[in-house]
Amino acid sequence: LVLGLDPVHGAATLGLLALTSLAFTAIMQLLGALLAYDARHPREQLLGTLRAYLEQGRNKSAAAAAAHLSRPAFYERLARIGRILDVDLDSVEACLSLHVALLALDAVRTP
């Protein structure tokens, strides 16, 4: 028995743990550098800037307003995020991957 569960539930639990591990690995590959940056610079919280950008459909003006930042400050943060992650934030594919990683991060952080 796994974790005191019957074989069916034990297998499901192991499967969920494996999926969580894979999700965590993917999240860290995509967002790890930004998470590390935010840990070193807690006042900036660039992950929130990235989240605003992606949640506003990559509309920089709307995202700047949602993040309560001036547009120049927001644009500078986006440029910094791009450098930290070594990604082109004008790329739809890159932003889709990052958005999925953010959603997965939220899912694994939620108890």
Protein backbone atom coordinates (compact mmCIF):
# COMPACT_ATOMS: atom_id res chain seq x y z
CA LEU A 1 0.00 0.00 0.00
CA VAL A 2 1.18 3.49 -0.86
CA LEU A 3 0.72 6.09 1.85
CA GLY A 4 -1.77 3.81 3.57
CA LEU A 5 -4.11 3.79 0.56
CA ASP A 6 -5.51 0.88 -1.39
CA PRO A 7 -3.69 0.04 -4.66
CA VAL A 8 -6.06 2.05 -6.89
CA HIS A 9 -5.87 5.21 -4.82
CA GLY A 10 -2.16 4.68 -4.22
CA ALA A 11 -1.51 4.56 -7.96
CA ALA A 12 -3.62 7.67 -8.48
CA THR A 13 -1.68 9.45 -5.74
CA LEU A 14 1.64 8.46 -7.29
CA GLY A 15 0.38 9.61 -10.68
CA LEU A 16 -0.63 12.97 -9.23
CA LEU A 17 2.75 13.32 -7.52
CA ALA A 18 4.51 12.53 -10.80
CA LEU A 19 2.38 15.10 -12.64
CA THR A 20 3.06 17.67 -9.95
CA SER A 21 6.78 16.95 -10.23
CA LEU A 22 6.66 17.35 -14.02
CA ALA A 23 4.67 20.56 -13.71
CA PHE A 24 7.15 21.91 -11.17
CA THR A 25 10.07 21.06 -13.46
CA ALA A 26 8.38 22.81 -16.41
CA ILE A 27 7.54 25.84 -14.27
CA MET A 28 11.10 26.13 -13.06
CA GLN A 29 12.49 25.81 -16.59
CA LEU A 30 10.28 28.65 -17.80
CA LEU A 31 9.99 30.89 -14.73
CA GLY A 32 12.79 29.81 -12.40
CA ALA A 33 15.12 32.69 -13.25
CA LEU A 34 12.33 35.21 -12.67
CA LEU A 35 11.28 33.58 -9.40
CA ALA A 36 14.91 33.70 -8.25
CA TYR A 37 15.18 37.35 -9.28
CA ASP A 38 12.03 38.23 -7.34
CA ALA A 39 13.39 36.41 -4.29
CA ARG A 40 16.53 38.58 -4.44
CA HIS A 41 14.57 41.80 -5.20
CA PRO A 42 11.31 41.49 -3.22
CA ARG A 43 10.26 45.08 -3.85
CA GLU A 44 10.10 44.65 -7.62
CA GLN A 45 8.02 41.47 -7.99
CA LEU A 46 8.49 41.11 -11.73
CA LEU A 47 6.32 37.99 -11.74
CA GLY A 48 3.35 40.26 -11.03
CA THR A 49 4.38 42.49 -13.92
CA LEU A 50 4.53 39.48 -16.24
CA ARG A 51 1.18 38.26 -14.94
CA ALA A 52 -0.45 41.65 -15.62
CA TYR A 53 0.98 41.69 -19.15
CA LEU A 54 -0.28 38.21 -19.95
CA GLU A 55 -3.67 38.64 -18.27
CA GLN A 56 -4.24 41.83 -20.27
CA GLY A 57 -3.69 39.93 -23.52
CA ARG A 58 -0.22 41.46 -24.03
CA ASN A 59 -1.75 44.95 -24.16
CA LYS A 60 1.06 46.97 -22.59
CA SER A 61 -0.99 50.08 -21.86
CA ALA A 62 -3.78 48.13 -20.17
CA ALA A 63 -1.26 46.01 -18.29
CA ALA A 64 0.61 49.09 -17.04
CA ALA A 65 -2.66 50.51 -15.73
CA ALA A 66 -3.59 47.16 -14.13
CA ALA A 67 -0.16 47.01 -12.46
CA HIS A 68 -0.49 50.64 -11.28
CA LEU A 69 2.72 51.61 -13.08
CA SER A 70 3.54 54.33 -15.56
CA ARG A 71 3.91 53.01 -19.08
CA PRO A 72 7.67 53.78 -19.23
CA ALA A 73 8.24 51.99 -15.91
CA PHE A 74 6.15 49.05 -17.08
CA TYR A 75 7.98 48.83 -20.40
CA GLU A 76 11.33 48.88 -18.59
CA ARG A 77 10.16 46.02 -16.36
CA LEU A 78 9.05 44.02 -19.39
CA ALA A 79 12.46 44.55 -20.97
CA ARG A 80 14.11 43.35 -17.75
CA ILE A 81 11.84 40.29 -17.65
CA GLY A 82 12.78 39.50 -21.25
CA ARG A 83 16.48 39.70 -20.39
CA ILE A 84 16.13 37.63 -17.21
CA LEU A 85 14.15 34.89 -18.96
CA ASP A 86 16.01 35.28 -22.27
CA VAL A 87 12.69 35.40 -24.07
CA ASP A 88 10.99 37.66 -26.62
CA LEU A 89 7.83 38.92 -24.93
CA ASP A 90 6.49 40.00 -28.32
CA SER A 91 6.35 36.32 -29.34
CA VAL A 92 2.87 34.85 -29.04
CA GLU A 93 4.32 31.35 -28.58
CA ALA A 94 6.69 32.42 -25.81
CA CYS A 95 3.93 34.30 -24.00
CA LEU A 96 1.57 31.35 -24.29
CA SER A 97 4.19 29.08 -22.70
CA LEU A 98 4.80 31.61 -19.94
CA HIS A 99 1.07 32.06 -19.30
CA VAL A 100 0.56 28.30 -19.03
CA ALA A 101 3.53 28.14 -16.65
CA LEU A 102 1.99 30.89 -14.51
CA LEU A 103 -1.32 29.03 -14.38
CA ALA A 104 0.51 25.83 -13.44
CA LEU A 105 2.42 27.73 -10.75
CA ASP A 106 -0.87 28.96 -9.34
CA ALA A 107 -2.22 25.41 -9.41
CA VAL A 108 0.72 23.91 -7.51
CA ARG A 109 0.75 26.79 -5.02
CA THR A 110 -2.96 26.37 -4.25
CA PRO A 111 -3.51 23.95 -1.37
